[in-house]
Amino acid sequence: MLATLTKVFLLPGNLVSDFAGIVANDDRGMMRTLINMLFWNLIGATIAFYLA
């Protein structure tokens, strides 16, 4: 179950890295981190906005 949650959490960054053709692990990790932070922060901020 933890592996599935990890895959879902990293999915946006992995999709963008695949689309951009990034294969080097260091570069892919940096891109994945950036995209995941932007994506999940947007989701969290949207939920917080509607709940507040």
PDB file of N, CA and C in Angstrom:
ATOM      1  N   MET A   1       0.828  -1.193   0.000  1.00  0.00           N
ATOM      2  CA  MET A   1       0.000   0.000   0.000  1.00  0.00           C
ATOM      3  C   MET A   1       0.869   1.251   0.000  1.00  0.00           C
ATOM      4  N   LEU A   2       1.944   1.230   0.769  1.00  0.00           N
ATOM      5  CA  LEU A   2       2.844   2.386   0.802  1.00  0.00           C
ATOM      6  C   LEU A   2       3.486   2.622  -0.560  1.00  0.00           C
ATOM      7  N   ALA A   3       3.826   1.563  -1.256  1.00  0.00           N
ATOM      8  CA  ALA A   3       4.417   1.701  -2.594  1.00  0.00           C
ATOM      9  C   ALA A   3       3.426   2.339  -3.558  1.00  0.00           C
ATOM     10  N   THR A   4       2.160   1.985  -3.451  1.00  0.00           N
ATOM     11  CA  THR A   4       1.134   2.562  -4.314  1.00  0.00           C
ATOM     12  C   THR A   4       0.949   4.040  -4.019  1.00  0.00           C
ATOM     13  N   LEU A   5       0.909   4.408  -2.743  1.00  0.00           N
ATOM     14  CA  LEU A   5       0.777   5.815  -2.381  1.00  0.00           C
ATOM     15  C   LEU A   5       1.974   6.633  -2.855  1.00  0.00           C
ATOM     16  N   THR A   6       3.156   6.059  -2.771  1.00  0.00           N
ATOM     17  CA  THR A   6       4.359   6.742  -3.239  1.00  0.00           C
ATOM     18  C   THR A   6       4.296   6.960  -4.744  1.00  0.00           C
ATOM     19  N   LYS A   7       3.853   5.959  -5.480  1.00  0.00           N
ATOM     20  CA  LYS A   7       3.734   6.096  -6.936  1.00  0.00           C
ATOM     21  C   LYS A   7       2.739   7.181  -7.313  1.00  0.00           C
ATOM     22  N   VAL A   8       1.620   7.236  -6.609  1.00  0.00           N
ATOM     23  CA  VAL A   8       0.605   8.256  -6.879  1.00  0.00           C
ATOM     24  C   VAL A   8       1.152   9.645  -6.543  1.00  0.00           C
ATOM     25  N   PHE A   9       1.860   9.759  -5.433  1.00  0.00           N
ATOM     26  CA  PHE A   9       2.409  11.047  -5.019  1.00  0.00           C
ATOM     27  C   PHE A   9       3.449  11.549  -6.017  1.00  0.00           C
ATOM     28  N   LEU A  10       4.251  10.661  -6.579  1.00  0.00           N
ATOM     29  CA  LEU A  10       5.310  11.051  -7.505  1.00  0.00           C
ATOM     30  C   LEU A  10       4.852  11.097  -8.963  1.00  0.00           C
ATOM     31  N   LEU A  11       3.627  10.704  -9.242  1.00  0.00           N
ATOM     32  CA  LEU A  11       3.136  10.599 -10.606  1.00  0.00           C
ATOM     33  C   LEU A  11       3.238  11.899 -11.411  1.00  0.00           C
ATOM     34  N   PRO A  12       2.809  13.059 -10.896  1.00  0.00           N
ATOM     35  CA  PRO A  12       2.906  14.271 -11.722  1.00  0.00           C
ATOM     36  C   PRO A  12       4.343  14.567 -12.170  1.00  0.00           C
ATOM     37  N   GLY A  13       5.285  14.457 -11.272  1.00  0.00           N
ATOM     38  CA  GLY A  13       6.675  14.719 -11.619  1.00  0.00           C
ATOM     39  C   GLY A  13       7.240  13.696 -12.584  1.00  0.00           C
ATOM     40  N   ASN A  14       6.853  12.445 -12.411  1.00  0.00           N
ATOM     41  CA  ASN A  14       7.310  11.401 -13.330  1.00  0.00           C
ATOM     42  C   ASN A  14       6.742  11.607 -14.729  1.00  0.00           C
ATOM     43  N   LEU A  15       5.488  11.991 -14.825  1.00  0.00           N
ATOM     44  CA  LEU A  15       4.882  12.228 -16.130  1.00  0.00           C
ATOM     45  C   LEU A  15       5.569  13.366 -16.869  1.00  0.00           C
ATOM     46  N   VAL A  16       5.840  14.460 -16.157  1.00  0.00           N
ATOM     47  CA  VAL A  16       6.512  15.598 -16.785  1.00  0.00           C
ATOM     48  C   VAL A  16       7.937  15.228 -17.178  1.00  0.00           C
ATOM     49  N   SER A  17       8.635  14.494 -16.329  1.00  0.00           N
ATOM     50  CA  SER A  17      10.000  14.065 -16.656  1.00  0.00           C
ATOM     51  C   SER A  17      10.013  13.156 -17.875  1.00  0.00           C
ATOM     52  N   ASP A  18       9.063  12.245 -17.963  1.00  0.00           N
ATOM     53  CA  ASP A  18       8.962  11.367 -19.130  1.00  0.00           C
ATOM     54  C   ASP A  18       8.663  12.178 -20.389  1.00  0.00           C
ATOM     55  N   PHE A  19       7.732  13.114 -20.283  1.00  0.00           N
ATOM     56  CA  PHE A  19       7.354  13.940 -21.431  1.00  0.00           C
ATOM     57  C   PHE A  19       8.525  14.785 -21.910  1.00  0.00           C
ATOM     58  N   ALA A  20       9.323  15.309 -20.977  1.00  0.00           N
ATOM     59  CA  ALA A  20      10.479  16.143 -21.323  1.00  0.00           C
ATOM     60  C   ALA A  20      11.680  15.315 -21.766  1.00  0.00           C
ATOM     61  N   GLY A  21      11.616  14.011 -21.589  1.00  0.00           N
ATOM     62  CA  GLY A  21      12.711  13.144 -22.008  1.00  0.00           C
ATOM     63  C   GLY A  21      13.914  13.173 -21.085  1.00  0.00           C
ATOM     64  N   ILE A  22      13.696  13.483 -19.818  1.00  0.00           N
ATOM     65  CA  ILE A  22      14.783  13.551 -18.844  1.00  0.00           C
ATOM     66  C   ILE A  22      15.056  12.136 -18.326  1.00  0.00           C
ATOM     67  N   VAL A  23      16.307  11.678 -18.496  1.00  0.00           N
ATOM     68  CA  VAL A  23      16.637  10.320 -18.078  1.00  0.00           C
ATOM     69  C   VAL A  23      17.688  10.279 -16.966  1.00  0.00           C
ATOM     70  N   ALA A  24      18.506  11.304 -16.828  1.00  0.00           N
ATOM     71  CA  ALA A  24      19.532  11.315 -15.780  1.00  0.00           C
ATOM     72  C   ALA A  24      18.852  11.400 -14.410  1.00  0.00           C
ATOM     73  N   ASN A  25      19.232  10.527 -13.493  1.00  0.00           N
ATOM     74  CA  ASN A  25      18.565  10.453 -12.185  1.00  0.00           C
ATOM     75  C   ASN A  25      18.621  11.769 -11.420  1.00  0.00           C
ATOM     76  N   ASP A  26      19.772  12.469 -11.431  1.00  0.00           N
ATOM     77  CA  ASP A  26      19.869  13.734 -10.694  1.00  0.00           C
ATOM     78  C   ASP A  26      18.940  14.784 -11.282  1.00  0.00           C
ATOM     79  N   ASP A  27      18.946  14.917 -12.601  1.00  0.00           N
ATOM     80  CA  ASP A  27      18.079  15.901 -13.248  1.00  0.00           C
ATOM     81  C   ASP A  27      16.615  15.527 -13.095  1.00  0.00           C
ATOM     82  N   ARG A  28      16.327  14.241 -13.208  1.00  0.00           N
ATOM     83  CA  ARG A  28      14.949  13.772 -13.075  1.00  0.00           C
ATOM     84  C   ARG A  28      14.430  14.019 -11.658  1.00  0.00           C
ATOM     85  N   GLY A  29      15.273  13.811 -10.668  1.00  0.00           N
ATOM     86  CA  GLY A  29      14.867  14.049  -9.284  1.00  0.00           C
ATOM     87  C   GLY A  29      14.570  15.510  -9.025  1.00  0.00           C
ATOM     88  N   MET A  30      15.376  16.387  -9.588  1.00  0.00           N
ATOM     89  CA  MET A  30      15.143  17.820  -9.399  1.00  0.00           C
ATOM     90  C   MET A  30      13.848  18.256 -10.084  1.00  0.00           C
ATOM     91  N   MET A  31      13.626  17.777 -11.307  1.00  0.00           N
ATOM     92  CA  MET A  31      12.398  18.127 -12.030  1.00  0.00           C
ATOM     93  C   MET A  31      11.178  17.548 -11.330  1.00  0.00           C
ATOM     94  N   ARG A  32      11.293  16.302 -10.884  1.00  0.00           N
ATOM     95  CA  ARG A  32      10.171  15.658 -10.203  1.00  0.00           C
ATOM     96  C   ARG A  32       9.820  16.403  -8.920  1.00  0.00           C
ATOM     97  N   THR A  33      10.832  16.820  -8.171  1.00  0.00           N
ATOM     98  CA  THR A  33      10.591  17.567  -6.936  1.00  0.00           C
ATOM     99  C   THR A  33       9.890  18.889  -7.218  1.00  0.00           C
ATOM    100  N   LEU A  34      10.354  19.616  -8.219  1.00  0.00           N
ATOM    101  CA  LEU A  34       9.745  20.903  -8.566  1.00  0.00           C
ATOM    102  C   LEU A  34       8.287  20.727  -8.970  1.00  0.00           C
ATOM    103  N   ILE A  35       8.032  19.814  -9.884  1.00  0.00           N
ATOM    104  CA  ILE A  35       6.669  19.616 -10.383  1.00  0.00           C
ATOM    105  C   ILE A  35       5.745  19.113  -9.281  1.00  0.00           C
ATOM    106  N   ASN A  36       6.229  18.174  -8.470  1.00  0.00           N
ATOM    107  CA  ASN A  36       5.391  17.656  -7.382  1.00  0.00           C
ATOM    108  C   ASN A  36       5.061  18.744  -6.367  1.00  0.00           C
ATOM    109  N   MET A  37       6.034  19.586  -6.025  1.00  0.00           N
ATOM    110  CA  MET A  37       5.752  20.673  -5.077  1.00  0.00           C
ATOM    111  C   MET A  37       4.714  21.627  -5.653  1.00  0.00           C
ATOM    112  N   LEU A  38       4.869  22.004  -6.903  1.00  0.00           N
ATOM    113  CA  LEU A  38       3.906  22.918  -7.523  1.00  0.00           C
ATOM    114  C   LEU A  38       2.514  22.292  -7.605  1.00  0.00           C
ATOM    115  N   PHE A  39       2.456  21.048  -8.036  1.00  0.00           N
ATOM    116  CA  PHE A  39       1.177  20.366  -8.209  1.00  0.00           C
ATOM    117  C   PHE A  39       0.454  20.162  -6.876  1.00  0.00           C
ATOM    118  N   TRP A  40       1.148  19.558  -5.904  1.00  0.00           N
ATOM    119  CA  TRP A  40       0.482  19.237  -4.641  1.00  0.00           C
ATOM    120  C   TRP A  40       0.201  20.486  -3.807  1.00  0.00           C
ATOM    121  N   ASN A  41       1.040  21.519  -3.916  1.00  0.00           N
ATOM    122  CA  ASN A  41       0.737  22.781  -3.232  1.00  0.00           C
ATOM    123  C   ASN A  41      -0.494  23.443  -3.840  1.00  0.00           C
ATOM    124  N   LEU A  42      -0.647  23.363  -5.144  1.00  0.00           N
ATOM    125  CA  LEU A  42      -1.846  23.903  -5.782  1.00  0.00           C
ATOM    126  C   LEU A  42      -3.094  23.152  -5.324  1.00  0.00           C
ATOM    127  N   ILE A  43      -3.013  21.835  -5.257  1.00  0.00           N
ATOM    128  CA  ILE A  43      -4.144  21.034  -4.785  1.00  0.00           C
ATOM    129  C   ILE A  43      -4.472  21.387  -3.327  1.00  0.00           C
ATOM    130  N   GLY A  44      -3.448  21.439  -2.487  1.00  0.00           N
ATOM    131  CA  GLY A  44      -3.663  21.762  -1.073  1.00  0.00           C
ATOM    132  C   GLY A  44      -4.217  23.160  -0.864  1.00  0.00           C
ATOM    133  N   ALA A  45      -3.691  24.132  -1.608  1.00  0.00           N
ATOM    134  CA  ALA A  45      -4.179  25.509  -1.476  1.00  0.00           C
ATOM    135  C   ALA A  45      -5.622  25.626  -1.960  1.00  0.00           C
ATOM    136  N   THR A  46      -5.953  24.909  -3.021  1.00  0.00           N
ATOM    137  CA  THR A  46      -7.332  24.938  -3.526  1.00  0.00           C
ATOM    138  C   THR A  46      -8.299  24.339  -2.505  1.00  0.00           C
ATOM    139  N   ILE A  47      -7.924  23.233  -1.907  1.00  0.00           N
ATOM    140  CA  ILE A  47      -8.775  22.620  -0.885  1.00  0.00           C
ATOM    141  C   ILE A  47      -8.904  23.536   0.327  1.00  0.00           C
ATOM    142  N   ALA A  48      -7.793  24.126   0.763  1.00  0.00           N
ATOM    143  CA  ALA A  48      -7.842  25.028   1.911  1.00  0.00           C
ATOM    144  C   ALA A  48      -8.704  26.258   1.615  1.00  0.00           C
ATOM    145  N   PHE A  49      -8.626  26.754   0.380  1.00  0.00           N
ATOM    146  CA  PHE A  49      -9.425  27.917   0.004  1.00  0.00           C
ATOM    147  C   PHE A  49     -10.920  27.606   0.099  1.00  0.00           C
ATOM    148  N   TYR A  50     -11.297  26.444  -0.386  1.00  0.00           N
ATOM    149  CA  TYR A  50     -12.719  26.093  -0.376  1.00  0.00           C
ATOM    150  C   TYR A  50     -13.237  25.699   1.002  1.00  0.00           C
ATOM    151  N   LEU A  51     -12.334  25.219   1.882  1.00  0.00           N
ATOM    152  CA  LEU A  51     -12.744  24.854   3.226  1.00  0.00           C
ATOM    153  C   LEU A  51     -12.770  26.044   4.179  1.00  0.00           C
ATOM    154  N   ALA A  52     -12.041  27.087   3.855  1.00  0.00           N
ATOM    155  CA  ALA A  52     -11.948  28.245   4.750  1.00  0.00           C
ATOM    156  C   ALA A  52     -13.157  29.150   4.629  1.00  0.00           C
TER     157      ALA A  52
END
